[in-house]
Full PDB file with SEQRES, HELIX, SHEET, SSBOND, CRYST1, ORIGX, SCALE, CONECT and MASTER records, all heavy atoms in Angstrom:
SEQRES   1 A   41  ARG PRO ILE LEU THR ASN VAL SER LEU SER LEU THR PRO          
SEQRES   2 A   41  GLY GLU ALA LEU ALA VAL ILE GLY PRO SER ALA SER GLY          
SEQRES   3 A   41  LYS SER THR LEU CYS ARG LEU LEU ALA GLY VAL TRP ARG          
SEQRES   4 A   41  PRO THR                                                      
HELIX    1 AA1 LYS A   27  ALA A   35  1                                   9    
CRYST1    1.000    1.000    1.000  90.00  90.00  90.00 P 1           1          
ORIGX1      1.000000  0.000000  0.000000        0.00000                         
ORIGX2      0.000000  1.000000  0.000000        0.00000                         
ORIGX3      0.000000  0.000000  1.000000        0.00000                         
SCALE1      1.000000  0.000000  0.000000        0.00000                         
SCALE2      0.000000  1.000000  0.000000        0.00000                         
SCALE3      0.000000  0.000000  1.000000        0.00000                         
ATOM      1  N   ARG A   1     110.908 -62.053 -39.046  1.00  0.00           N  
ATOM      2  CA  ARG A   1     112.007 -62.777 -39.675  1.00  0.00           C  
ATOM      3  C   ARG A   1     111.468 -63.804 -40.649  1.00  0.00           C  
ATOM      4  O   ARG A   1     110.331 -64.260 -40.532  1.00  0.00           O  
ATOM      5  CB  ARG A   1     112.880 -63.440 -38.619  1.00  0.00           C  
ATOM      6  CG  ARG A   1     112.140 -64.417 -37.725  1.00  0.00           C  
ATOM      7  CD  ARG A   1     113.055 -65.004 -36.692  1.00  0.00           C  
ATOM      8  NE  ARG A   1     112.380 -65.979 -35.830  1.00  0.00           N  
ATOM      9  CZ  ARG A   1     112.990 -66.693 -34.902  1.00  0.00           C  
ATOM     10  NH1 ARG A   1     114.289 -66.511 -34.668  1.00  0.00           N  
ATOM     11  NH2 ARG A   1     112.316 -67.575 -34.184  1.00  0.00           N  
ATOM     12  N   PRO A   2     112.273 -64.199 -41.619  1.00  0.00           N  
ATOM     13  CA  PRO A   2     111.811 -65.151 -42.636  1.00  0.00           C  
ATOM     14  C   PRO A   2     111.678 -66.557 -42.089  1.00  0.00           C  
ATOM     15  O   PRO A   2     112.354 -66.949 -41.130  1.00  0.00           O  
ATOM     16  CB  PRO A   2     112.883 -65.062 -43.717  1.00  0.00           C  
ATOM     17  CG  PRO A   2     114.101 -64.603 -43.016  1.00  0.00           C  
ATOM     18  CD  PRO A   2     113.639 -63.708 -41.906  1.00  0.00           C  
ATOM     19  N   ILE A   3     110.785 -67.341 -42.732  1.00  0.00           N  
ATOM     20  CA  ILE A   3     110.651 -68.756 -42.386  1.00  0.00           C  
ATOM     21  C   ILE A   3     111.702 -69.572 -43.131  1.00  0.00           C  
ATOM     22  O   ILE A   3     112.297 -70.492 -42.586  1.00  0.00           O  
ATOM     23  CB  ILE A   3     109.235 -69.253 -42.748  1.00  0.00           C  
ATOM     24  CG1 ILE A   3     108.186 -68.508 -41.937  1.00  0.00           C  
ATOM     25  CG2 ILE A   3     109.124 -70.748 -42.501  1.00  0.00           C  
ATOM     26  CD1 ILE A   3     106.763 -68.867 -42.284  1.00  0.00           C  
ATOM     27  N   LEU A   4     111.963 -69.219 -44.382  1.00  0.00           N  
ATOM     28  CA  LEU A   4     112.987 -69.863 -45.181  1.00  0.00           C  
ATOM     29  C   LEU A   4     114.000 -68.811 -45.614  1.00  0.00           C  
ATOM     30  O   LEU A   4     113.636 -67.673 -45.926  1.00  0.00           O  
ATOM     31  CB  LEU A   4     112.392 -70.497 -46.435  1.00  0.00           C  
ATOM     32  CG  LEU A   4     111.437 -71.688 -46.239  1.00  0.00           C  
ATOM     33  CD1 LEU A   4     110.890 -72.137 -47.582  1.00  0.00           C  
ATOM     34  CD2 LEU A   4     112.139 -72.842 -45.537  1.00  0.00           C  
ATOM     35  N   THR A   5     115.269 -69.191 -45.648  1.00  0.00           N  
ATOM     36  CA  THR A   5     116.328 -68.265 -46.033  1.00  0.00           C  
ATOM     37  C   THR A   5     117.283 -68.942 -47.003  1.00  0.00           C  
ATOM     38  O   THR A   5     117.875 -69.984 -46.661  1.00  0.00           O  
ATOM     39  CB  THR A   5     117.100 -67.767 -44.804  1.00  0.00           C  
ATOM     40  OG1 THR A   5     116.187 -67.183 -43.876  1.00  0.00           O  
ATOM     41  CG2 THR A   5     118.147 -66.726 -45.208  1.00  0.00           C  
ATOM     42  N   ASN A   6     117.393 -68.393 -48.216  1.00  0.00           N  
ATOM     43  CA  ASN A   6     118.401 -68.790 -49.190  1.00  0.00           C  
ATOM     44  C   ASN A   6     118.366 -70.302 -49.471  1.00  0.00           C  
ATOM     45  O   ASN A   6     119.405 -70.985 -49.429  1.00  0.00           O  
ATOM     46  CB  ASN A   6     119.798 -68.363 -48.716  1.00  0.00           C  
ATOM     47  CG  ASN A   6     120.794 -68.312 -49.847  1.00  0.00           C  
ATOM     48  OD1 ASN A   6     120.430 -68.062 -50.999  1.00  0.00           O  
ATOM     49  ND2 ASN A   6     122.059 -68.583 -49.528  1.00  0.00           N  
ATOM     50  N   VAL A   7     117.165 -70.814 -49.779  1.00  0.00           N  
ATOM     51  CA  VAL A   7     117.005 -72.245 -50.062  1.00  0.00           C  
ATOM     52  C   VAL A   7     117.158 -72.480 -51.563  1.00  0.00           C  
ATOM     53  O   VAL A   7     116.570 -71.763 -52.379  1.00  0.00           O  
ATOM     54  CB  VAL A   7     115.628 -72.749 -49.594  1.00  0.00           C  
ATOM     55  CG1 VAL A   7     115.415 -74.201 -50.001  1.00  0.00           C  
ATOM     56  CG2 VAL A   7     115.491 -72.594 -48.086  1.00  0.00           C  
ATOM     57  N   SER A   8     117.947 -73.485 -51.935  1.00  0.00           N  
ATOM     58  CA  SER A   8     118.143 -73.820 -53.359  1.00  0.00           C  
ATOM     59  C   SER A   8     118.047 -75.332 -53.526  1.00  0.00           C  
ATOM     60  O   SER A   8     118.449 -76.102 -52.643  1.00  0.00           O  
ATOM     61  CB  SER A   8     119.506 -73.335 -53.856  1.00  0.00           C  
ATOM     62  OG  SER A   8     119.607 -71.911 -53.775  1.00  0.00           O  
ATOM     63  N   LEU A   9     117.501 -75.778 -54.642  1.00  0.00           N  
ATOM     64  CA  LEU A   9     117.506 -77.191 -55.006  1.00  0.00           C  
ATOM     65  C   LEU A   9     117.228 -77.298 -56.488  1.00  0.00           C  
ATOM     66  O   LEU A   9     116.770 -76.356 -57.136  1.00  0.00           O  
ATOM     67  CB  LEU A   9     116.445 -77.963 -54.194  1.00  0.00           C  
ATOM     68  CG  LEU A   9     114.971 -77.569 -54.358  1.00  0.00           C  
ATOM     69  CD1 LEU A   9     114.307 -78.330 -55.510  1.00  0.00           C  
ATOM     70  CD2 LEU A   9     114.208 -77.844 -53.073  1.00  0.00           C  
ATOM     71  N   SER A  10     117.500 -78.479 -57.031  1.00  0.00           N  
ATOM     72  CA  SER A  10     117.282 -78.721 -58.451  1.00  0.00           C  
ATOM     73  C   SER A  10     116.884 -80.175 -58.647  1.00  0.00           C  
ATOM     74  O   SER A  10     117.547 -81.078 -58.127  1.00  0.00           O  
ATOM     75  CB  SER A  10     118.540 -78.396 -59.265  1.00  0.00           C  
ATOM     76  OG  SER A  10     118.335 -78.664 -60.632  1.00  0.00           O  
ATOM     77  N   LEU A  11     115.783 -80.427 -59.357  1.00  0.00           N  
ATOM     78  CA  LEU A  11     115.286 -81.768 -59.616  1.00  0.00           C  
ATOM     79  C   LEU A  11     115.055 -81.929 -61.116  1.00  0.00           C  
ATOM     80  O   LEU A  11     114.416 -81.074 -61.751  1.00  0.00           O  
ATOM     81  CB  LEU A  11     113.968 -82.003 -58.876  1.00  0.00           C  
ATOM     82  CG  LEU A  11     114.023 -82.056 -57.337  1.00  0.00           C  
ATOM     83  CD1 LEU A  11     112.623 -82.094 -56.756  1.00  0.00           C  
ATOM     84  CD2 LEU A  11     114.831 -83.255 -56.883  1.00  0.00           C  
ATOM     85  N   THR A  12     115.553 -83.011 -61.666  1.00  0.00           N  
ATOM     86  CA  THR A  12     115.291 -83.322 -63.066  1.00  0.00           C  
ATOM     87  C   THR A  12     114.075 -84.222 -63.139  1.00  0.00           C  
ATOM     88  O   THR A  12     113.668 -84.848 -62.155  1.00  0.00           O  
ATOM     89  CB  THR A  12     116.494 -84.012 -63.693  1.00  0.00           C  
ATOM     90  OG1 THR A  12     116.761 -85.220 -62.961  1.00  0.00           O  
ATOM     91  CG2 THR A  12     117.730 -83.131 -63.660  1.00  0.00           C  
ATOM     92  N   PRO A  13     113.437 -84.326 -64.314  1.00  0.00           N  
ATOM     93  CA  PRO A  13     112.248 -85.191 -64.447  1.00  0.00           C  
ATOM     94  C   PRO A  13     112.571 -86.622 -64.024  1.00  0.00           C  
ATOM     95  O   PRO A  13     113.576 -87.201 -64.409  1.00  0.00           O  
ATOM     96  CB  PRO A  13     111.929 -85.099 -65.932  1.00  0.00           C  
ATOM     97  CG  PRO A  13     112.425 -83.770 -66.360  1.00  0.00           C  
ATOM     98  CD  PRO A  13     113.689 -83.560 -65.557  1.00  0.00           C  
ATOM     99  N   GLY A  14     111.709 -87.177 -63.165  1.00  0.00           N  
ATOM    100  CA  GLY A  14     111.895 -88.547 -62.698  1.00  0.00           C  
ATOM    101  C   GLY A  14     112.523 -88.627 -61.330  1.00  0.00           C  
ATOM    102  O   GLY A  14     112.465 -89.674 -60.672  1.00  0.00           O  
ATOM    103  N   GLU A  15     113.171 -87.573 -60.876  1.00  0.00           N  
ATOM    104  CA  GLU A  15     113.780 -87.580 -59.547  1.00  0.00           C  
ATOM    105  C   GLU A  15     112.724 -87.342 -58.465  1.00  0.00           C  
ATOM    106  O   GLU A  15     111.703 -86.713 -58.717  1.00  0.00           O  
ATOM    107  CB  GLU A  15     114.846 -86.499 -59.442  1.00  0.00           C  
ATOM    108  CG  GLU A  15     116.177 -86.851 -60.088  1.00  0.00           C  
ATOM    109  CD  GLU A  15     117.251 -85.833 -59.741  1.00  0.00           C  
ATOM    110  OE1 GLU A  15     117.140 -84.684 -60.186  1.00  0.00           O  
ATOM    111  OE2 GLU A  15     118.203 -86.207 -59.015  1.00  0.00           O  
ATOM    112  N   ALA A  16     112.992 -87.827 -57.267  1.00  0.00           N  
ATOM    113  CA  ALA A  16     112.125 -87.606 -56.111  1.00  0.00           C  
ATOM    114  C   ALA A  16     112.949 -87.037 -54.984  1.00  0.00           C  
ATOM    115  O   ALA A  16     114.127 -87.367 -54.825  1.00  0.00           O  
ATOM    116  CB  ALA A  16     111.475 -88.919 -55.680  1.00  0.00           C  
ATOM    117  N   LEU A  17     112.334 -86.188 -54.191  1.00  0.00           N  
ATOM    118  CA  LEU A  17     113.042 -85.549 -53.088  1.00  0.00           C  
ATOM    119  C   LEU A  17     112.170 -85.616 -51.830  1.00  0.00           C  
ATOM    120  O   LEU A  17     110.983 -85.264 -51.896  1.00  0.00           O  
ATOM    121  CB  LEU A  17     113.341 -84.089 -53.425  1.00  0.00           C  
ATOM    122  CG  LEU A  17     113.951 -83.244 -52.294  1.00  0.00           C  
ATOM    123  CD1 LEU A  17     115.360 -83.718 -51.958  1.00  0.00           C  
ATOM    124  CD2 LEU A  17     113.953 -81.766 -52.664  1.00  0.00           C  
ATOM    125  N   ALA A  18     112.727 -86.054 -50.725  1.00  0.00           N  
ATOM    126  CA  ALA A  18     112.035 -86.033 -49.446  1.00  0.00           C  
ATOM    127  C   ALA A  18     112.687 -84.959 -48.573  1.00  0.00           C  
ATOM    128  O   ALA A  18     113.913 -84.915 -48.471  1.00  0.00           O  
ATOM    129  CB  ALA A  18     112.131 -87.399 -48.752  1.00  0.00           C  
ATOM    130  N   VAL A  19     111.877 -84.130 -47.967  1.00  0.00           N  
ATOM    131  CA  VAL A  19     112.383 -83.075 -47.109  1.00  0.00           C  
ATOM    132  C   VAL A  19     111.979 -83.415 -45.672  1.00  0.00           C  
ATOM    133  O   VAL A  19     110.776 -83.585 -45.392  1.00  0.00           O  
ATOM    134  CB  VAL A  19     111.792 -81.705 -47.512  1.00  0.00           C  
ATOM    135  CG1 VAL A  19     112.313 -80.609 -46.564  1.00  0.00           C  
ATOM    136  CG2 VAL A  19     112.147 -81.384 -48.951  1.00  0.00           C  
ATOM    137  N   ILE A  20     112.941 -83.545 -44.791  1.00  0.00           N  
ATOM    138  CA  ILE A  20     112.645 -83.898 -43.405  1.00  0.00           C  
ATOM    139  C   ILE A  20     113.207 -82.826 -42.493  1.00  0.00           C  
ATOM    140  O   ILE A  20     114.116 -82.057 -42.869  1.00  0.00           O  
ATOM    141  CB  ILE A  20     113.247 -85.265 -43.025  1.00  0.00           C  
ATOM    142  CG1 ILE A  20     114.777 -85.269 -43.219  1.00  0.00           C  
ATOM    143  CG2 ILE A  20     112.623 -86.384 -43.850  1.00  0.00           C  
ATOM    144  CD1 ILE A  20     115.443 -86.551 -42.749  1.00  0.00           C  
ATOM    145  N   GLY A  21     112.667 -82.735 -41.316  1.00  0.00           N  
ATOM    146  CA  GLY A  21     113.133 -81.728 -40.366  1.00  0.00           C  
ATOM    147  C   GLY A  21     112.157 -81.595 -39.243  1.00  0.00           C  
ATOM    148  O   GLY A  21     111.036 -82.125 -39.294  1.00  0.00           O  
ATOM    149  N   PRO A  22     112.533 -80.896 -38.183  1.00  0.00           N  
ATOM    150  CA  PRO A  22     111.648 -80.744 -37.030  1.00  0.00           C  
ATOM    151  C   PRO A  22     110.437 -79.866 -37.382  1.00  0.00           C  
ATOM    152  O   PRO A  22     110.381 -79.218 -38.415  1.00  0.00           O  
ATOM    153  CB  PRO A  22     112.546 -80.058 -35.995  1.00  0.00           C  
ATOM    154  CG  PRO A  22     113.566 -79.332 -36.810  1.00  0.00           C  
ATOM    155  CD  PRO A  22     113.812 -80.182 -38.003  1.00  0.00           C  
ATOM    156  N   SER A  23     109.483 -79.877 -36.458  1.00  0.00           N  
ATOM    157  CA  SER A  23     108.289 -79.067 -36.646  1.00  0.00           C  
ATOM    158  C   SER A  23     108.659 -77.598 -36.712  1.00  0.00           C  
ATOM    159  O   SER A  23     109.575 -77.148 -36.021  1.00  0.00           O  
ATOM    160  CB  SER A  23     107.322 -79.327 -35.479  1.00  0.00           C  
ATOM    161  OG  SER A  23     106.168 -78.522 -35.617  1.00  0.00           O  
ATOM    162  N   ALA A  24     107.924 -76.873 -37.584  1.00  0.00           N  
ATOM    163  CA  ALA A  24     108.115 -75.424 -37.755  1.00  0.00           C  
ATOM    164  C   ALA A  24     109.462 -75.060 -38.365  1.00  0.00           C  
ATOM    165  O   ALA A  24     109.936 -73.950 -38.216  1.00  0.00           O  
ATOM    166  CB  ALA A  24     107.945 -74.702 -36.434  1.00  0.00           C  
ATOM    167  N   SER A  25     110.069 -76.021 -39.076  1.00  0.00           N  
ATOM    168  CA  SER A  25     111.336 -75.720 -39.739  1.00  0.00           C  
ATOM    169  C   SER A  25     111.154 -75.178 -41.146  1.00  0.00           C  
ATOM    170  O   SER A  25     112.130 -74.788 -41.796  1.00  0.00           O  
ATOM    171  CB  SER A  25     112.209 -76.981 -39.780  1.00  0.00           C  
ATOM    172  OG  SER A  25     111.561 -77.994 -40.548  1.00  0.00           O  
ATOM    173  N   GLY A  26     109.916 -75.172 -41.660  1.00  0.00           N  
ATOM    174  CA  GLY A  26     109.681 -74.570 -42.963  1.00  0.00           C  
ATOM    175  C   GLY A  26     109.355 -75.573 -44.050  1.00  0.00           C  
ATOM    176  O   GLY A  26     109.309 -75.202 -45.229  1.00  0.00           O  
ATOM    177  N   LYS A  27     109.057 -76.821 -43.690  1.00  0.00           N  
ATOM    178  CA  LYS A  27     108.784 -77.846 -44.714  1.00  0.00           C  
ATOM    179  C   LYS A  27     107.500 -77.504 -45.478  1.00  0.00           C  
ATOM    180  O   LYS A  27     107.468 -77.519 -46.717  1.00  0.00           O  
ATOM    181  CB  LYS A  27     108.641 -79.233 -44.055  1.00  0.00           C  
ATOM    182  CG  LYS A  27     109.864 -79.701 -43.279  1.00  0.00           C  
ATOM    183  CD  LYS A  27     109.701 -81.111 -42.766  1.00  0.00           C  
ATOM    184  CE  LYS A  27     108.523 -81.260 -41.810  1.00  0.00           C  
ATOM    185  NZ  LYS A  27     108.685 -80.438 -40.585  1.00  0.00           N  
ATOM    186  N   SER A  28     106.444 -77.196 -44.749  1.00  0.00           N  
ATOM    187  CA  SER A  28     105.165 -76.866 -45.416  1.00  0.00           C  
ATOM    188  C   SER A  28     105.295 -75.595 -46.243  1.00  0.00           C  
ATOM    189  O   SER A  28     104.714 -75.476 -47.332  1.00  0.00           O  
ATOM    190  CB  SER A  28     104.059 -76.703 -44.378  1.00  0.00           C  
ATOM    191  OG  SER A  28     103.841 -77.906 -43.674  1.00  0.00           O  
ATOM    192  N   THR A  29     106.072 -74.642 -45.753  1.00  0.00           N  
ATOM    193  CA  THR A  29     106.276 -73.408 -46.510  1.00  0.00           C  
ATOM    194  C   THR A  29     106.973 -73.699 -47.821  1.00  0.00           C  
ATOM    195  O   THR A  29     106.600 -73.155 -48.871  1.00  0.00           O  
ATOM    196  CB  THR A  29     107.118 -72.418 -45.681  1.00  0.00           C  
ATOM    197  OG1 THR A  29     106.401 -72.102 -44.475  1.00  0.00           O  
ATOM    198  CG2 THR A  29     107.374 -71.138 -46.451  1.00  0.00           C  
ATOM    199  N   LEU A  30     107.989 -74.582 -47.791  1.00  0.00           N  
ATOM    200  CA  LEU A  30     108.680 -74.938 -49.034  1.00  0.00           C  
ATOM    201  C   LEU A  30     107.726 -75.621 -50.009  1.00  0.00           C  
ATOM    202  O   LEU A  30     107.738 -75.349 -51.216  1.00  0.00           O  
ATOM    203  CB  LEU A  30     109.865 -75.874 -48.708  1.00  0.00           C  
ATOM    204  CG  LEU A  30     110.650 -76.386 -49.921  1.00  0.00           C  
ATOM    205  CD1 LEU A  30     111.223 -75.218 -50.734  1.00  0.00           C  
ATOM    206  CD2 LEU A  30     111.772 -77.336 -49.472  1.00  0.00           C  
ATOM    207  N   CYS A  31     106.842 -76.491 -49.481  1.00  0.00           N  
ATOM    208  CA  CYS A  31     105.867 -77.147 -50.350  1.00  0.00           C  
ATOM    209  C   CYS A  31     104.933 -76.117 -50.981  1.00  0.00           C  
ATOM    210  O   CYS A  31     104.594 -76.236 -52.175  1.00  0.00           O  
ATOM    211  CB  CYS A  31     105.044 -78.167 -49.550  1.00  0.00           C  
ATOM    212  SG  CYS A  31     105.959 -79.658 -49.092  1.00  0.00           S  
ATOM    213  N   ARG A  32     104.523 -75.131 -50.233  1.00  0.00           N  
ATOM    214  CA  ARG A  32     103.636 -74.108 -50.781  1.00  0.00           C  
ATOM    215  C   ARG A  32     104.343 -73.292 -51.865  1.00  0.00           C  
ATOM    216  O   ARG A  32     103.721 -72.909 -52.862  1.00  0.00           O  
ATOM    217  CB  ARG A  32     103.117 -73.190 -49.666  1.00  0.00           C  
ATOM    218  CG  ARG A  32     102.193 -73.896 -48.672  1.00  0.00           C  
ATOM    219  CD  ARG A  32     101.596 -72.923 -47.670  1.00  0.00           C  
ATOM    220  NE  ARG A  32     100.676 -73.592 -46.751  1.00  0.00           N  
ATOM    221  CZ  ARG A  32     100.985 -73.933 -45.509  1.00  0.00           C  
ATOM    222  NH1 ARG A  32     102.184 -73.653 -45.003  1.00  0.00           N  
ATOM    223  NH2 ARG A  32     100.098 -74.548 -44.735  1.00  0.00           N  
ATOM    224  N   LEU A  33     105.631 -73.037 -51.665  1.00  0.00           N  
ATOM    225  CA  LEU A  33     106.383 -72.324 -52.705  1.00  0.00           C  
ATOM    226  C   LEU A  33     106.515 -73.189 -53.953  1.00  0.00           C  
ATOM    227  O   LEU A  33     106.364 -72.688 -55.083  1.00  0.00           O  
ATOM    228  CB  LEU A  33     107.773 -71.943 -52.174  1.00  0.00           C  
ATOM    229  CG  LEU A  33     107.839 -70.933 -51.035  1.00  0.00           C  
ATOM    230  CD1 LEU A  33     109.287 -70.707 -50.618  1.00  0.00           C  
ATOM    231  CD2 LEU A  33     107.209 -69.616 -51.450  1.00  0.00           C  
ATOM    232  N   LEU A  34     106.781 -74.478 -53.781  1.00  0.00           N  
ATOM    233  CA  LEU A  34     106.923 -75.379 -54.936  1.00  0.00           C  
ATOM    234  C   LEU A  34     105.616 -75.541 -55.677  1.00  0.00           C  
ATOM    235  O   LEU A  34     105.611 -75.768 -56.908  1.00  0.00           O  
ATOM    236  CB  LEU A  34     107.416 -76.756 -54.466  1.00  0.00           C  
ATOM    237  CG  LEU A  34     108.873 -76.815 -53.979  1.00  0.00           C  
ATOM    238  CD1 LEU A  34     109.172 -78.156 -53.330  1.00  0.00           C  
ATOM    239  CD2 LEU A  34     109.846 -76.565 -55.145  1.00  0.00           C  
ATOM    240  N   ALA A  35     104.476 -75.453 -54.966  1.00  0.00           N  
ATOM    241  CA  ALA A  35     103.178 -75.605 -55.611  1.00  0.00           C  
ATOM    242  C   ALA A  35     102.672 -74.291 -56.201  1.00  0.00           C  
ATOM    243  O   ALA A  35     101.649 -74.275 -56.877  1.00  0.00           O  
ATOM    244  CB  ALA A  35     102.168 -76.144 -54.603  1.00  0.00           C  
ATOM    245  N   GLY A  36     103.359 -73.205 -55.921  1.00  0.00           N  
ATOM    246  CA  GLY A  36     102.903 -71.914 -56.436  1.00  0.00           C  
ATOM    247  C   GLY A  36     101.827 -71.276 -55.595  1.00  0.00           C  
ATOM    248  O   GLY A  36     101.238 -70.269 -56.016  1.00  0.00           O  
ATOM    249  N   VAL A  37     101.536 -71.840 -54.411  1.00  0.00           N  
ATOM    250  CA  VAL A  37     100.536 -71.250 -53.546  1.00  0.00           C  
ATOM    251  C   VAL A  37     101.029 -69.906 -53.012  1.00  0.00           C  
ATOM    252  O   VAL A  37     100.270 -68.929 -52.960  1.00  0.00           O  
ATOM    253  CB  VAL A  37     100.213 -72.192 -52.378  1.00  0.00           C  
ATOM    254  CG1 VAL A  37      99.238 -71.550 -51.389  1.00  0.00           C  
ATOM    255  CG2 VAL A  37      99.620 -73.490 -52.912  1.00  0.00           C  
ATOM    256  N   TRP A  38     102.303 -69.839 -52.629  1.00  0.00           N  
ATOM    257  CA  TRP A  38     102.951 -68.599 -52.213  1.00  0.00           C  
ATOM    258  C   TRP A  38     104.092 -68.283 -53.179  1.00  0.00           C  
ATOM    259  O   TRP A  38     104.624 -69.166 -53.848  1.00  0.00           O  
ATOM    260  CB  TRP A  38     103.500 -68.728 -50.789  1.00  0.00           C  
ATOM    261  CG  TRP A  38     102.459 -68.805 -49.726  1.00  0.00           C  
ATOM    262  CD1 TRP A  38     101.139 -68.491 -49.827  1.00  0.00           C  
ATOM    263  CD2 TRP A  38     102.648 -69.251 -48.367  1.00  0.00           C  
ATOM    264  NE1 TRP A  38     100.480 -68.677 -48.651  1.00  0.00           N  
ATOM    265  CE2 TRP A  38     101.382 -69.150 -47.723  1.00  0.00           C  
ATOM    266  CE3 TRP A  38     103.731 -69.704 -47.636  1.00  0.00           C  
ATOM    267  CZ2 TRP A  38     101.196 -69.485 -46.388  1.00  0.00           C  
ATOM    268  CZ3 TRP A  38     103.546 -70.042 -46.300  1.00  0.00           C  
ATOM    269  CH2 TRP A  38     102.295 -69.946 -45.681  1.00  0.00           C  
ATOM    270  N   ARG A  39     104.473 -67.026 -53.199  1.00  0.00           N  
ATOM    271  CA  ARG A  39     105.626 -66.604 -53.976  1.00  0.00           C  
ATOM    272  C   ARG A  39     106.774 -66.281 -53.042  1.00  0.00           C  
ATOM    273  O   ARG A  39     106.548 -65.707 -51.973  1.00  0.00           O  
ATOM    274  CB  ARG A  39     105.313 -65.361 -54.811  1.00  0.00           C  
ATOM    275  CG  ARG A  39     104.315 -65.588 -55.925  1.00  0.00           C  
ATOM    276  CD  ARG A  39     104.178 -64.338 -56.767  1.00  0.00           C  
ATOM    277  NE  ARG A  39     103.138 -64.482 -57.789  1.00  0.00           N  
ATOM    278  CZ  ARG A  39     102.840 -63.542 -58.681  1.00  0.00           C  
ATOM    279  NH1 ARG A  39     103.463 -62.379 -58.664  1.00  0.00           N  
ATOM    280  NH2 ARG A  39     101.884 -63.750 -59.555  1.00  0.00           N  
ATOM    281  N   PRO A  40     108.005 -66.615 -53.412  1.00  0.00           N  
ATOM    282  CA  PRO A  40     109.133 -66.297 -52.520  1.00  0.00           C  
ATOM    283  C   PRO A  40     109.315 -64.794 -52.403  1.00  0.00           C  
ATOM    284  O   PRO A  40     109.096 -64.041 -53.381  1.00  0.00           O  
ATOM    285  CB  PRO A  40     110.321 -66.954 -53.202  1.00  0.00           C  
ATOM    286  CG  PRO A  40     109.927 -67.101 -54.641  1.00  0.00           C  
ATOM    287  CD  PRO A  40     108.449 -67.308 -54.629  1.00  0.00           C  
ATOM    288  N   THR A  41     109.726 -64.345 -51.207  1.00  0.00           N  
ATOM    289  CA  THR A  41     110.024 -62.909 -51.020  1.00  0.00           C  
ATOM    290  C   THR A  41     111.238 -62.526 -51.839  1.00  0.00           C  
ATOM    291  O   THR A  41     111.282 -61.456 -52.454  1.00  0.00           O  
ATOM    292  CB  THR A  41     110.263 -62.632 -49.528  1.00  0.00           C  
ATOM    293  OG1 THR A  41     109.151 -63.139 -48.761  1.00  0.00           O  
ATOM    294  CG2 THR A  41     110.401 -61.146 -49.272  1.00  0.00           C  
TER     295      THR A  41                                                      
MASTER        0    0    0    1    0    0    0    6  294    1    0    4          
END                                                                             
């Protein structure tokens, strides 16, 4: 099963976003997708 499902967000230049949640909820996975380390399925 997927770690992340149907996640969307939008940030303009200068904005900051904090992502919080319990362990194993997919925070690190989202960071890897945002950094280009992984590609979304």
